[in-house]
Amino acid sequence: MTGHWTGVFTHKDGQTEIEFTENVTAKKLFMKPFVKGFLKKQQEQYLNDLKTALEKI
């Protein structure tokens, strides 16, 4: 898999929202169906890590 994803944080109605934009390509054709699920899992892990880091501040 190659590419990147970007998260844009915005403040709306007293809450923080994040919008992810992906630009990713599977290197192998048979991996293409798994890309979306993999990215979703990676983004969830990113948010969990961010929450943990912010709790320590």
PDB file of N, CA and C in Angstrom:
ATOM      1  N   MET A   1       0.848  -1.157   0.000  1.00  0.00           N
ATOM      2  CA  MET A   1       0.000   0.000   0.000  1.00  0.00           C
ATOM      3  C   MET A   1       0.901   1.229   0.000  1.00  0.00           C
ATOM      4  N   THR A   2       0.573   2.189  -0.834  1.00  0.00           N
ATOM      5  CA  THR A   2       1.316   3.446  -0.864  1.00  0.00           C
ATOM      6  C   THR A   2       0.328   4.598  -0.818  1.00  0.00           C
ATOM      7  N   GLY A   3       0.810   5.745  -0.376  1.00  0.00           N
ATOM      8  CA  GLY A   3      -0.034   6.932  -0.344  1.00  0.00           C
ATOM      9  C   GLY A   3       0.059   7.631   0.996  1.00  0.00           C
ATOM     10  N   HIS A   4      -0.959   8.431   1.281  1.00  0.00           N
ATOM     11  CA  HIS A   4      -1.004   9.160   2.546  1.00  0.00           C
ATOM     12  C   HIS A   4      -2.440   9.506   2.887  1.00  0.00           C
ATOM     13  N   TRP A   5      -2.649   9.868   4.146  1.00  0.00           N
ATOM     14  CA  TRP A   5      -3.942  10.397   4.548  1.00  0.00           C
ATOM     15  C   TRP A   5      -3.688  11.613   5.419  1.00  0.00           C
ATOM     16  N   THR A   6      -4.660  12.508   5.405  1.00  0.00           N
ATOM     17  CA  THR A   6      -4.549  13.766   6.121  1.00  0.00           C
ATOM     18  C   THR A   6      -5.780  13.951   6.991  1.00  0.00           C
ATOM     19  N   GLY A   7      -5.582  14.455   8.174  1.00  0.00           N
ATOM     20  CA  GLY A   7      -6.692  14.777   9.064  1.00  0.00           C
ATOM     21  C   GLY A   7      -6.754  16.273   9.271  1.00  0.00           C
ATOM     22  N   VAL A   8      -7.931  16.850   9.069  1.00  0.00           N
ATOM     23  CA  VAL A   8      -8.126  18.289   9.259  1.00  0.00           C
ATOM     24  C   VAL A   8      -9.041  18.487  10.466  1.00  0.00           C
ATOM     25  N   PHE A   9      -8.537  19.199  11.469  1.00  0.00           N
ATOM     26  CA  PHE A   9      -9.297  19.463  12.684  1.00  0.00           C
ATOM     27  C   PHE A   9     -10.026  20.793  12.558  1.00  0.00           C
ATOM     28  N   THR A  10     -11.304  20.802  12.955  1.00  0.00           N
ATOM     29  CA  THR A  10     -12.090  22.037  12.985  1.00  0.00           C
ATOM     30  C   THR A  10     -12.868  22.095  14.297  1.00  0.00           C
ATOM     31  N   HIS A  11     -13.226  23.303  14.685  1.00  0.00           N
ATOM     32  CA  HIS A  11     -14.015  23.522  15.894  1.00  0.00           C
ATOM     33  C   HIS A  11     -15.431  23.897  15.466  1.00  0.00           C
ATOM     34  N   LYS A  12     -16.412  23.144  15.955  1.00  0.00           N
ATOM     35  CA  LYS A  12     -17.801  23.397  15.564  1.00  0.00           C
ATOM     36  C   LYS A  12     -18.724  23.129  16.748  1.00  0.00           C
ATOM     37  N   ASP A  13     -19.519  24.121  17.103  1.00  0.00           N
ATOM     38  CA  ASP A  13     -20.498  23.989  18.184  1.00  0.00           C
ATOM     39  C   ASP A  13     -19.874  23.479  19.479  1.00  0.00           C
ATOM     40  N   GLY A  14     -18.690  23.980  19.815  1.00  0.00           N
ATOM     41  CA  GLY A  14     -18.043  23.602  21.058  1.00  0.00           C
ATOM     42  C   GLY A  14     -17.357  22.252  21.030  1.00  0.00           C
ATOM     43  N   GLN A  15     -17.275  21.629  19.870  1.00  0.00           N
ATOM     44  CA  GLN A  15     -16.626  20.330  19.760  1.00  0.00           C
ATOM     45  C   GLN A  15     -15.583  20.366  18.648  1.00  0.00           C
ATOM     46  N   THR A  16     -14.648  19.444  18.726  1.00  0.00           N
ATOM     47  CA  THR A  16     -13.641  19.315  17.685  1.00  0.00           C
ATOM     48  C   THR A  16     -14.065  18.213  16.730  1.00  0.00           C
ATOM     49  N   GLU A  17     -14.028  18.526  15.447  1.00  0.00           N
ATOM     50  CA  GLU A  17     -14.328  17.532  14.415  1.00  0.00           C
ATOM     51  C   GLU A  17     -13.064  17.287  13.612  1.00  0.00           C
ATOM     52  N   ILE A  18     -12.945  16.071  13.095  1.00  0.00           N
ATOM     53  CA  ILE A  18     -11.802  15.755  12.244  1.00  0.00           C
ATOM     54  C   ILE A  18     -12.322  15.110  10.965  1.00  0.00           C
ATOM     55  N   GLU A  19     -11.763  15.566   9.850  1.00  0.00           N
ATOM     56  CA  GLU A  19     -12.125  15.014   8.540  1.00  0.00           C
ATOM     57  C   GLU A  19     -10.862  14.404   7.937  1.00  0.00           C
ATOM     58  N   PHE A  20     -10.940  13.123   7.629  1.00  0.00           N
ATOM     59  CA  PHE A  20      -9.810  12.430   7.024  1.00  0.00           C
ATOM     60  C   PHE A  20      -9.964  12.411   5.511  1.00  0.00           C
ATOM     61  N   THR A  21      -8.868  12.664   4.818  1.00  0.00           N
ATOM     62  CA  THR A  21      -8.812  12.561   3.361  1.00  0.00           C
ATOM     63  C   THR A  21      -7.708  11.569   3.019  1.00  0.00           C
ATOM     64  N   GLU A  22      -8.067  10.560   2.242  1.00  0.00           N
ATOM     65  CA  GLU A  22      -7.105   9.519   1.897  1.00  0.00           C
ATOM     66  C   GLU A  22      -6.718   9.587   0.431  1.00  0.00           C
ATOM     67  N   ASN A  23      -5.463   9.282   0.169  1.00  0.00           N
ATOM     68  CA  ASN A  23      -4.962   9.117  -1.190  1.00  0.00           C
ATOM     69  C   ASN A  23      -4.040   7.904  -1.143  1.00  0.00           C
ATOM     70  N   VAL A  24      -4.638   6.720  -1.272  1.00  0.00           N
ATOM     71  CA  VAL A  24      -3.914   5.477  -1.056  1.00  0.00           C
ATOM     72  C   VAL A  24      -4.201   4.512  -2.192  1.00  0.00           C
ATOM     73  N   THR A  25      -3.168   3.764  -2.575  1.00  0.00           N
ATOM     74  CA  THR A  25      -3.296   2.768  -3.630  1.00  0.00           C
ATOM     75  C   THR A  25      -2.724   1.451  -3.128  1.00  0.00           C
ATOM     76  N   ALA A  26      -3.461   0.369  -3.361  1.00  0.00           N
ATOM     77  CA  ALA A  26      -2.955  -0.957  -3.008  1.00  0.00           C
ATOM     78  C   ALA A  26      -1.914  -1.367  -4.042  1.00  0.00           C
ATOM     79  N   LYS A  27      -0.782  -1.885  -3.557  1.00  0.00           N
ATOM     80  CA  LYS A  27       0.266  -2.322  -4.475  1.00  0.00           C
ATOM     81  C   LYS A  27      -0.154  -3.580  -5.225  1.00  0.00           C
ATOM     82  N   LYS A  28      -0.904  -4.432  -4.553  1.00  0.00           N
ATOM     83  CA  LYS A  28      -1.376  -5.681  -5.158  1.00  0.00           C
ATOM     84  C   LYS A  28      -2.888  -5.606  -5.319  1.00  0.00           C
ATOM     85  N   LEU A  29      -3.388  -6.032  -6.448  1.00  0.00           N
ATOM     86  CA  LEU A  29      -4.813  -5.947  -6.753  1.00  0.00           C
ATOM     87  C   LEU A  29      -5.668  -6.663  -5.716  1.00  0.00           C
ATOM     88  N   PHE A  30      -5.210  -7.828  -5.226  1.00  0.00           N
ATOM     89  CA  PHE A  30      -6.014  -8.586  -4.272  1.00  0.00           C
ATOM     90  C   PHE A  30      -6.126  -7.889  -2.913  1.00  0.00           C
ATOM     91  N   MET A  31      -5.286  -6.889  -2.661  1.00  0.00           N
ATOM     92  CA  MET A  31      -5.336  -6.144  -1.400  1.00  0.00           C
ATOM     93  C   MET A  31      -6.329  -4.986  -1.434  1.00  0.00           C
ATOM     94  N   LYS A  32      -6.782  -4.603  -2.618  1.00  0.00           N
ATOM     95  CA  LYS A  32      -7.660  -3.445  -2.775  1.00  0.00           C
ATOM     96  C   LYS A  32      -8.900  -3.490  -1.871  1.00  0.00           C
ATOM     97  N   PRO A  33      -9.576  -4.641  -1.728  1.00  0.00           N
ATOM     98  CA  PRO A  33     -10.768  -4.656  -0.864  1.00  0.00           C
ATOM     99  C   PRO A  33     -10.475  -4.386   0.612  1.00  0.00           C
ATOM    100  N   PHE A  34      -9.228  -4.528   1.022  1.00  0.00           N
ATOM    101  CA  PHE A  34      -8.873  -4.370   2.435  1.00  0.00           C
ATOM    102  C   PHE A  34      -8.384  -2.969   2.787  1.00  0.00           C
ATOM    103  N   VAL A  35      -8.146  -2.135   1.799  1.00  0.00           N
ATOM    104  CA  VAL A  35      -7.568  -0.810   2.029  1.00  0.00           C
ATOM    105  C   VAL A  35      -8.465   0.043   2.919  1.00  0.00           C
ATOM    106  N   LYS A  36      -9.745   0.113   2.634  1.00  0.00           N
ATOM    107  CA  LYS A  36     -10.661   0.971   3.395  1.00  0.00           C
ATOM    108  C   LYS A  36     -10.709   0.559   4.866  1.00  0.00           C
ATOM    109  N   GLY A  37     -10.827  -0.726   5.114  1.00  0.00           N
ATOM    110  CA  GLY A  37     -10.862  -1.211   6.495  1.00  0.00           C
ATOM    111  C   GLY A  37      -9.563  -0.950   7.229  1.00  0.00           C
ATOM    112  N   PHE A  38      -8.439  -1.138   6.541  1.00  0.00           N
ATOM    113  CA  PHE A  38      -7.137  -0.887   7.137  1.00  0.00           C
ATOM    114  C   PHE A  38      -6.992   0.582   7.519  1.00  0.00           C
ATOM    115  N   LEU A  39      -7.383   1.481   6.615  1.00  0.00           N
ATOM    116  CA  LEU A  39      -7.283   2.916   6.899  1.00  0.00           C
ATOM    117  C   LEU A  39      -8.166   3.308   8.071  1.00  0.00           C
ATOM    118  N   LYS A  40      -9.372   2.765   8.110  1.00  0.00           N
ATOM    119  CA  LYS A  40     -10.282   3.071   9.211  1.00  0.00           C
ATOM    120  C   LYS A  40      -9.670   2.641  10.539  1.00  0.00           C
ATOM    121  N   LYS A  41      -9.071   1.473  10.559  1.00  0.00           N
ATOM    122  CA  LYS A  41      -8.437   0.975  11.770  1.00  0.00           C
ATOM    123  C   LYS A  41      -7.256   1.855  12.173  1.00  0.00           C
ATOM    124  N   GLN A  42      -6.447   2.266  11.211  1.00  0.00           N
ATOM    125  CA  GLN A  42      -5.303   3.130  11.482  1.00  0.00           C
ATOM    126  C   GLN A  42      -5.751   4.488  12.029  1.00  0.00           C
ATOM    127  N   GLN A  43      -6.821   5.033  11.459  1.00  0.00           N
ATOM    128  CA  GLN A  43      -7.326   6.330  11.910  1.00  0.00           C
ATOM    129  C   GLN A  43      -7.905   6.233  13.317  1.00  0.00           C
ATOM    130  N   GLU A  44      -8.589   5.144  13.625  1.00  0.00           N
ATOM    131  CA  GLU A  44      -9.102   4.940  14.981  1.00  0.00           C
ATOM    132  C   GLU A  44      -7.954   4.850  15.971  1.00  0.00           C
ATOM    133  N   GLN A  45      -6.883   4.152  15.590  1.00  0.00           N
ATOM    134  CA  GLN A  45      -5.716   4.037  16.463  1.00  0.00           C
ATOM    135  C   GLN A  45      -5.066   5.403  16.672  1.00  0.00           C
ATOM    136  N   TYR A  46      -4.998   6.199  15.617  1.00  0.00           N
ATOM    137  CA  TYR A  46      -4.443   7.550  15.710  1.00  0.00           C
ATOM    138  C   TYR A  46      -5.244   8.372  16.725  1.00  0.00           C
ATOM    139  N   LEU A  47      -6.573   8.319  16.626  1.00  0.00           N
ATOM    140  CA  LEU A  47      -7.412   9.096  17.550  1.00  0.00           C
ATOM    141  C   LEU A  47      -7.275   8.594  18.984  1.00  0.00           C
ATOM    142  N   ASN A  48      -7.198   7.286  19.161  1.00  0.00           N
ATOM    143  CA  ASN A  48      -7.002   6.743  20.506  1.00  0.00           C
ATOM    144  C   ASN A  48      -5.663   7.196  21.085  1.00  0.00           C
ATOM    145  N   ASP A  49      -4.615   7.157  20.287  1.00  0.00           N
ATOM    146  CA  ASP A  49      -3.301   7.612  20.743  1.00  0.00           C
ATOM    147  C   ASP A  49      -3.316   9.103  21.071  1.00  0.00           C
ATOM    148  N   LEU A  50      -4.012   9.884  20.243  1.00  0.00           N
ATOM    149  CA  LEU A  50      -4.112  11.330  20.483  1.00  0.00           C
ATOM    150  C   LEU A  50      -4.853  11.610  21.789  1.00  0.00           C
ATOM    151  N   LYS A  51      -5.969  10.921  22.018  1.00  0.00           N
ATOM    152  CA  LYS A  51      -6.722  11.093  23.273  1.00  0.00           C
ATOM    153  C   LYS A  51      -5.859  10.755  24.469  1.00  0.00           C
ATOM    154  N   THR A  52      -5.115   9.659  24.386  1.00  0.00           N
ATOM    155  CA  THR A  52      -4.240   9.243  25.485  1.00  0.00           C
ATOM    156  C   THR A  52      -3.176  10.305  25.754  1.00  0.00           C
ATOM    157  N   ALA A  53      -2.578  10.827  24.701  1.00  0.00           N
ATOM    158  CA  ALA A  53      -1.552  11.857  24.846  1.00  0.00           C
ATOM    159  C   ALA A  53      -2.129  13.127  25.472  1.00  0.00           C
ATOM    160  N   LEU A  54      -3.325  13.514  25.058  1.00  0.00           N
ATOM    161  CA  LEU A  54      -3.943  14.741  25.581  1.00  0.00           C
ATOM    162  C   LEU A  54      -4.349  14.585  27.034  1.00  0.00           C
ATOM    163  N   GLU A  55      -4.695  13.385  27.450  1.00  0.00           N
ATOM    164  CA  GLU A  55      -5.064  13.155  28.844  1.00  0.00           C
ATOM    165  C   GLU A  55      -3.862  13.334  29.770  1.00  0.00           C
ATOM    166  N   LYS A  56      -2.672  13.159  29.246  1.00  0.00           N
ATOM    167  CA  LYS A  56      -1.447  13.275  30.052  1.00  0.00           C
ATOM    168  C   LYS A  56      -1.026  14.730  30.234  1.00  0.00           C
ATOM    169  N   ILE A  57      -1.625  15.623  29.475  1.00  0.00           N
ATOM    170  CA  ILE A  57      -1.253  17.040  29.556  1.00  0.00           C
ATOM    171  C   ILE A  57      -1.918  17.695  30.753  1.00  0.00           C
TER     172      ILE A  57
END
